[in-house]
Amino acid sequence: MKARDASTETEIKQSLVAELDLGFTMLVRRYQPGIYSGARRLTHRHEDAEEVAQDTFLRAYRALGGYDNNRIHDLRLRAWLWTIALNLCRDRAAHPRNETASLSEGANAATDETPIDAASWNRRLARLSVDQRNAVVLRHVADLPIAEIAEITGRPEGTIKADVSRGLDRLRDTLAREELK
């Protein structure tokens, strides 16, 4: 974690202990964009990513209300939030909803990419195994270190490194094949 990230996390924890609502506002401002962005890549739909992000913070708020000060100070906020978000993404994958995708989904997606680019990347990521996709998104979209990804997923660091590497290799191969077409 970068030095500024660490101080921000410390400040957020102190605010959560002092006044839950104020601290929670800081928590959401700091981590919601990354949670949404990663969930967007994992769920492939803007609406699902929004719901995952909202549910992540709803669950976090409820949990924080029951935590004592020591437990809040011991939390690694980013890893804890990503654990919640990843579990919600897994639940969605295990229990897909039969909804028709919104025609304006691409236009409403809050990403840096054009809708066509976002759709292309979502298709490419969907070709990866679930473990590879989770590892690549958490590492390169959410910018989490390998150790945190291992903590979030409950898998060894070496396995995470292999999943990231293999996932990136598959993405490179896919891009190379697309360029040849």
C-alpha atoms as a PDB file:
ATOM      1  CA  MET A   1       0.000   0.000   0.000  1.00  0.00           C
ATOM      2  CA  LYS A   2       1.286   3.468  -0.844  1.00  0.00           C
ATOM      3  CA  ALA A   3       2.146   5.858   2.005  1.00  0.00           C
ATOM      4  CA  ARG A   4      -0.753   8.209   1.178  1.00  0.00           C
ATOM      5  CA  ASP A   5      -3.167   5.259   0.999  1.00  0.00           C
ATOM      6  CA  ALA A   6      -2.015   4.134   4.447  1.00  0.00           C
ATOM      7  CA  SER A   7      -2.548   7.561   6.007  1.00  0.00           C
ATOM      8  CA  THR A   8      -5.927   7.861   4.329  1.00  0.00           C
ATOM      9  CA  GLU A   9      -6.937   4.477   5.678  1.00  0.00           C
ATOM     10  CA  THR A  10      -5.740   5.497   9.142  1.00  0.00           C
ATOM     11  CA  GLU A  11      -7.703   8.751   8.923  1.00  0.00           C
ATOM     12  CA  ILE A  12     -10.812   6.864   7.837  1.00  0.00           C
ATOM     13  CA  LYS A  13     -10.479   4.412  10.716  1.00  0.00           C
ATOM     14  CA  GLN A  14     -10.088   7.255  13.186  1.00  0.00           C
ATOM     15  CA  SER A  15     -13.196   8.931  11.762  1.00  0.00           C
ATOM     16  CA  LEU A  16     -15.155   5.664  11.881  1.00  0.00           C
ATOM     17  CA  VAL A  17     -14.323   5.325  15.570  1.00  0.00           C
ATOM     18  CA  ALA A  18     -15.108   8.971  16.358  1.00  0.00           C
ATOM     19  CA  GLU A  19     -18.309   9.257  14.302  1.00  0.00           C
ATOM     20  CA  LEU A  20     -19.492   6.310  12.196  1.00  0.00           C
ATOM     21  CA  ASP A  21     -21.511   8.324   9.666  1.00  0.00           C
ATOM     22  CA  LEU A  22     -18.715  10.815   8.936  1.00  0.00           C
ATOM     23  CA  GLY A  23     -16.117   8.073   8.716  1.00  0.00           C
ATOM     24  CA  PHE A  24     -18.359   6.000   6.504  1.00  0.00           C
ATOM     25  CA  THR A  25     -18.776   8.900   4.079  1.00  0.00           C
ATOM     26  CA  MET A  26     -14.980   9.093   3.843  1.00  0.00           C
ATOM     27  CA  LEU A  27     -14.799   5.316   3.348  1.00  0.00           C
ATOM     28  CA  VAL A  28     -17.286   5.391   0.467  1.00  0.00           C
ATOM     29  CA  ARG A  29     -15.580   8.353  -1.231  1.00  0.00           C
ATOM     30  CA  ARG A  30     -12.208   6.645  -1.000  1.00  0.00           C
ATOM     31  CA  TYR A  31     -13.101   3.104  -2.073  1.00  0.00           C
ATOM     32  CA  GLN A  32     -16.365   3.174  -4.047  1.00  0.00           C
ATOM     33  CA  PRO A  33     -14.846   4.039  -7.460  1.00  0.00           C
ATOM     34  CA  GLY A  34     -12.415   1.110  -7.289  1.00  0.00           C
ATOM     35  CA  ILE A  35     -15.043  -1.327  -6.019  1.00  0.00           C
ATOM     36  CA  TYR A  36     -17.417  -0.295  -8.810  1.00  0.00           C
ATOM     37  CA  SER A  37     -14.714  -0.518 -11.485  1.00  0.00           C
ATOM     38  CA  GLY A  38     -13.613  -3.993 -10.407  1.00  0.00           C
ATOM     39  CA  ALA A  39     -17.197  -5.206 -10.012  1.00  0.00           C
ATOM     40  CA  ARG A  40     -17.971  -3.883 -13.509  1.00  0.00           C
ATOM     41  CA  ARG A  41     -15.222  -6.089 -14.912  1.00  0.00           C
ATOM     42  CA  LEU A  42     -16.314  -9.102 -12.877  1.00  0.00           C
ATOM     43  CA  THR A  43     -20.063  -8.857 -13.480  1.00  0.00           C
ATOM     44  CA  HIS A  44     -19.934  -7.474 -17.048  1.00  0.00           C
ATOM     45  CA  ARG A  45     -22.966  -5.247 -16.452  1.00  0.00           C
ATOM     46  CA  HIS A  46     -23.209  -1.670 -15.244  1.00  0.00           C
ATOM     47  CA  GLU A  47     -26.370  -2.349 -13.236  1.00  0.00           C
ATOM     48  CA  ASP A  48     -24.880  -5.406 -11.522  1.00  0.00           C
ATOM     49  CA  ALA A  49     -21.689  -3.521 -10.693  1.00  0.00           C
ATOM     50  CA  GLU A  50     -23.687  -0.672  -9.172  1.00  0.00           C
ATOM     51  CA  GLU A  51     -25.662  -3.133  -7.046  1.00  0.00           C
ATOM     52  CA  VAL A  52     -22.512  -4.961  -5.947  1.00  0.00           C
ATOM     53  CA  ALA A  53     -20.887  -1.662  -4.942  1.00  0.00           C
ATOM     54  CA  GLN A  54     -24.006  -0.499  -3.092  1.00  0.00           C
ATOM     55  CA  ASP A  55     -24.461  -3.846  -1.343  1.00  0.00           C
ATOM     56  CA  THR A  56     -20.764  -3.908  -0.411  1.00  0.00           C
ATOM     57  CA  PHE A  57     -21.038  -0.604   1.399  1.00  0.00           C
ATOM     58  CA  LEU A  58     -24.416  -1.438   2.923  1.00  0.00           C
ATOM     59  CA  ARG A  59     -22.977  -4.615   4.411  1.00  0.00           C
ATOM     60  CA  ALA A  60     -19.874  -2.755   5.536  1.00  0.00           C
ATOM     61  CA  TYR A  61     -21.953  -0.081   7.285  1.00  0.00           C
ATOM     62  CA  ARG A  62     -24.045  -2.674   9.087  1.00  0.00           C
ATOM     63  CA  ALA A  63     -20.946  -4.567  10.179  1.00  0.00           C
ATOM     64  CA  LEU A  64     -19.082  -1.464  11.321  1.00  0.00           C
ATOM     65  CA  GLY A  65     -22.026  -0.499  13.523  1.00  0.00           C
ATOM     66  CA  GLY A  66     -21.436  -3.661  15.537  1.00  0.00           C
ATOM     67  CA  TYR A  67     -17.644  -3.502  15.700  1.00  0.00           C
ATOM     68  CA  ASP A  68     -15.768  -2.193  18.716  1.00  0.00           C
ATOM     69  CA  ASN A  69     -13.036   0.413  18.289  1.00  0.00           C
ATOM     70  CA  ASN A  70     -10.178  -2.111  18.401  1.00  0.00           C
ATOM     71  CA  ARG A  71     -11.712  -4.206  15.658  1.00  0.00           C
ATOM     72  CA  ILE A  72     -12.158  -1.141  13.446  1.00  0.00           C
ATOM     73  CA  HIS A  73      -8.526  -0.117  14.024  1.00  0.00           C
ATOM     74  CA  ASP A  74      -7.372  -3.662  13.122  1.00  0.00           C
ATOM     75  CA  LEU A  75      -9.290  -3.746   9.824  1.00  0.00           C
ATOM     76  CA  ARG A  76      -7.481  -3.536   6.531  1.00  0.00           C
ATOM     77  CA  LEU A  77     -10.302  -1.585   4.942  1.00  0.00           C
ATOM     78  CA  ARG A  78      -9.537  -2.098   1.270  1.00  0.00           C
ATOM     79  CA  ALA A  79      -9.001  -5.854   1.621  1.00  0.00           C
ATOM     80  CA  TRP A  80     -12.099  -6.165   3.819  1.00  0.00           C
ATOM     81  CA  LEU A  81     -14.288  -4.274   1.325  1.00  0.00           C
ATOM     82  CA  TRP A  82     -12.922  -6.302  -1.583  1.00  0.00           C
ATOM     83  CA  THR A  83     -13.673  -9.534   0.290  1.00  0.00           C
ATOM     84  CA  ILE A  84     -17.291  -8.414   0.597  1.00  0.00           C
ATOM     85  CA  ALA A  85     -17.451  -7.274  -3.051  1.00  0.00           C
ATOM     86  CA  LEU A  86     -15.857 -10.435  -4.421  1.00  0.00           C
ATOM     87  CA  ASN A  87     -18.272 -12.603  -2.441  1.00  0.00           C
ATOM     88  CA  LEU A  88     -21.189 -10.599  -3.836  1.00  0.00           C
ATOM     89  CA  CYS A  89     -19.824 -11.034  -7.381  1.00  0.00           C
ATOM     90  CA  ARG A  90     -19.506 -14.780  -6.779  1.00  0.00           C
ATOM     91  CA  ASP A  91     -23.091 -14.908  -5.503  1.00  0.00           C
ATOM     92  CA  ARG A  92     -24.286 -13.147  -8.661  1.00  0.00           C
ATOM     93  CA  ALA A  93     -22.360 -15.570 -10.847  1.00  0.00           C
ATOM     94  CA  ALA A  94     -23.801 -18.552  -8.972  1.00  0.00           C
ATOM     95  CA  HIS A  95     -27.352 -17.168  -9.154  1.00  0.00           C
ATOM     96  CA  PRO A  96     -27.640 -15.239 -12.420  1.00  0.00           C
ATOM     97  CA  ARG A  97     -30.751 -13.214 -13.017  1.00  0.00           C
ATOM     98  CA  ASN A  98     -32.674 -13.512 -16.247  1.00  0.00           C
ATOM     99  CA  GLU A  99     -32.813  -9.829 -17.072  1.00  0.00           C
ATOM    100  CA  THR A 100     -32.478  -8.301 -20.475  1.00  0.00           C
ATOM    101  CA  ALA A 101     -29.493  -5.996 -20.661  1.00  0.00           C
ATOM    102  CA  SER A 102     -30.363  -2.360 -20.889  1.00  0.00           C
ATOM    103  CA  LEU A 103     -29.923  -0.874 -24.356  1.00  0.00           C
ATOM    104  CA  SER A 104     -28.239   2.110 -22.795  1.00  0.00           C
ATOM    105  CA  GLU A 105     -25.927   0.013 -20.633  1.00  0.00           C
ATOM    106  CA  GLY A 106     -22.809   0.906 -22.591  1.00  0.00           C
ATOM    107  CA  ALA A 107     -23.703   4.584 -22.731  1.00  0.00           C
ATOM    108  CA  ASN A 108     -24.321   4.744 -18.987  1.00  0.00           C
ATOM    109  CA  ALA A 109     -21.253   2.799 -17.892  1.00  0.00           C
ATOM    110  CA  ALA A 110     -19.001   4.986 -15.771  1.00  0.00           C
ATOM    111  CA  THR A 111     -15.688   3.944 -17.274  1.00  0.00           C
ATOM    112  CA  ASP A 112     -12.822   5.700 -18.995  1.00  0.00           C
ATOM    113  CA  GLU A 113     -13.441   3.673 -22.134  1.00  0.00           C
ATOM    114  CA  THR A 114     -15.894   3.979 -24.948  1.00  0.00           C
ATOM    115  CA  PRO A 115     -18.773   1.469 -24.709  1.00  0.00           C
ATOM    116  CA  ILE A 116     -17.246  -0.560 -27.551  1.00  0.00           C
ATOM    117  CA  ASP A 117     -13.889  -0.803 -25.764  1.00  0.00           C
ATOM    118  CA  ALA A 118     -15.569  -1.733 -22.481  1.00  0.00           C
ATOM    119  CA  ALA A 119     -17.628  -4.423 -24.190  1.00  0.00           C
ATOM    120  CA  SER A 120     -14.517  -5.799 -25.911  1.00  0.00           C
ATOM    121  CA  TRP A 121     -12.620  -5.987 -22.640  1.00  0.00           C
ATOM    122  CA  ASN A 122     -15.561  -7.612 -20.896  1.00  0.00           C
ATOM    123  CA  ARG A 123     -15.666 -10.297 -23.610  1.00  0.00           C
ATOM    124  CA  ARG A 124     -11.938 -10.876 -23.301  1.00  0.00           C
ATOM    125  CA  LEU A 125     -12.097 -11.116 -19.514  1.00  0.00           C
ATOM    126  CA  ALA A 126     -15.078 -13.470 -19.721  1.00  0.00           C
ATOM    127  CA  ARG A 127     -12.881 -15.952 -21.614  1.00  0.00           C
ATOM    128  CA  LEU A 128     -10.591 -16.310 -18.596  1.00  0.00           C
ATOM    129  CA  SER A 129     -11.264 -18.799 -15.834  1.00  0.00           C
ATOM    130  CA  VAL A 130     -13.051 -17.302 -12.830  1.00  0.00           C
ATOM    131  CA  ASP A 131      -9.864 -17.471 -10.748  1.00  0.00           C
ATOM    132  CA  GLN A 132      -7.765 -15.834 -13.477  1.00  0.00           C
ATOM    133  CA  ARG A 133     -10.373 -13.124 -14.081  1.00  0.00           C
ATOM    134  CA  ASN A 134     -10.648 -12.346 -10.356  1.00  0.00           C
ATOM    135  CA  ALA A 135      -6.859 -12.213  -9.997  1.00  0.00           C
ATOM    136  CA  VAL A 136      -6.332 -10.003 -13.068  1.00  0.00           C
ATOM    137  CA  VAL A 137      -9.134  -7.596 -12.162  1.00  0.00           C
ATOM    138  CA  LEU A 138      -8.104  -7.301  -8.515  1.00  0.00           C
ATOM    139  CA  ARG A 139      -4.456  -6.815  -9.474  1.00  0.00           C
ATOM    140  CA  HIS A 140      -4.732  -4.535 -12.507  1.00  0.00           C
ATOM    141  CA  VAL A 141      -8.124  -2.830 -12.211  1.00  0.00           C
ATOM    142  CA  ALA A 142      -8.379  -2.528  -8.431  1.00  0.00           C
ATOM    143  CA  ASP A 143      -4.557  -2.190  -8.160  1.00  0.00           C
ATOM    144  CA  LEU A 144      -4.354  -4.500  -5.153  1.00  0.00           C
ATOM    145  CA  PRO A 145      -1.052  -6.119  -4.160  1.00  0.00           C
ATOM    146  CA  ILE A 146      -0.726  -9.891  -4.479  1.00  0.00           C
ATOM    147  CA  ALA A 147      -0.770 -10.349  -0.684  1.00  0.00           C
ATOM    148  CA  GLU A 148      -4.138  -8.591  -0.379  1.00  0.00           C
ATOM    149  CA  ILE A 149      -5.604 -10.587  -3.254  1.00  0.00           C
ATOM    150  CA  ALA A 150      -4.475 -13.773  -1.518  1.00  0.00           C
ATOM    151  CA  GLU A 151      -6.116 -12.593   1.698  1.00  0.00           C
ATOM    152  CA  ILE A 152      -9.349 -11.651  -0.103  1.00  0.00           C
ATOM    153  CA  THR A 153      -9.624 -14.895  -2.065  1.00  0.00           C
ATOM    154  CA  GLY A 154      -8.215 -17.219   0.584  1.00  0.00           C
ATOM    155  CA  ARG A 155      -5.703 -18.614  -1.906  1.00  0.00           C
ATOM    156  CA  PRO A 156      -1.879 -18.775  -1.680  1.00  0.00           C
ATOM    157  CA  GLU A 157       0.142 -15.873  -3.083  1.00  0.00           C
ATOM    158  CA  GLY A 158       1.948 -18.156  -5.529  1.00  0.00           C
ATOM    159  CA  THR A 159      -1.370 -19.313  -6.948  1.00  0.00           C
ATOM    160  CA  ILE A 160      -2.524 -15.710  -7.319  1.00  0.00           C
ATOM    161  CA  LYS A 161       0.715 -14.812  -9.127  1.00  0.00           C
ATOM    162  CA  ALA A 162       0.210 -17.759 -11.473  1.00  0.00           C
ATOM    163  CA  ASP A 163      -3.421 -16.797 -12.126  1.00  0.00           C
ATOM    164  CA  VAL A 164      -2.435 -13.198 -12.914  1.00  0.00           C
ATOM    165  CA  SER A 165       0.368 -14.338 -15.195  1.00  0.00           C
ATOM    166  CA  ARG A 166      -1.719 -16.939 -17.033  1.00  0.00           C
ATOM    167  CA  GLY A 167      -4.652 -14.550 -17.295  1.00  0.00           C
ATOM    168  CA  LEU A 168      -2.468 -11.819 -18.791  1.00  0.00           C
ATOM    169  CA  ASP A 169      -0.924 -14.354 -21.192  1.00  0.00           C
ATOM    170  CA  ARG A 170      -4.407 -15.377 -22.373  1.00  0.00           C
ATOM    171  CA  LEU A 171      -5.423 -11.737 -22.793  1.00  0.00           C
ATOM    172  CA  ARG A 172      -2.258 -11.040 -24.829  1.00  0.00           C
ATOM    173  CA  ASP A 173      -2.942 -14.093 -27.006  1.00  0.00           C
ATOM    174  CA  THR A 174      -6.529 -12.967 -27.539  1.00  0.00           C
ATOM    175  CA  LEU A 175      -5.402  -9.458 -28.510  1.00  0.00           C
ATOM    176  CA  ALA A 176      -2.786 -10.849 -30.892  1.00  0.00           C
ATOM    177  CA  ARG A 177      -5.403 -13.059 -32.599  1.00  0.00           C
ATOM    178  CA  GLU A 178      -7.779 -10.099 -32.869  1.00  0.00           C
ATOM    179  CA  GLU A 179      -5.070  -7.966 -34.502  1.00  0.00           C
ATOM    180  CA  LEU A 180      -4.468 -10.686 -37.116  1.00  0.00           C
ATOM    181  CA  LYS A 181      -8.115 -10.640 -38.164  1.00  0.00           C
END
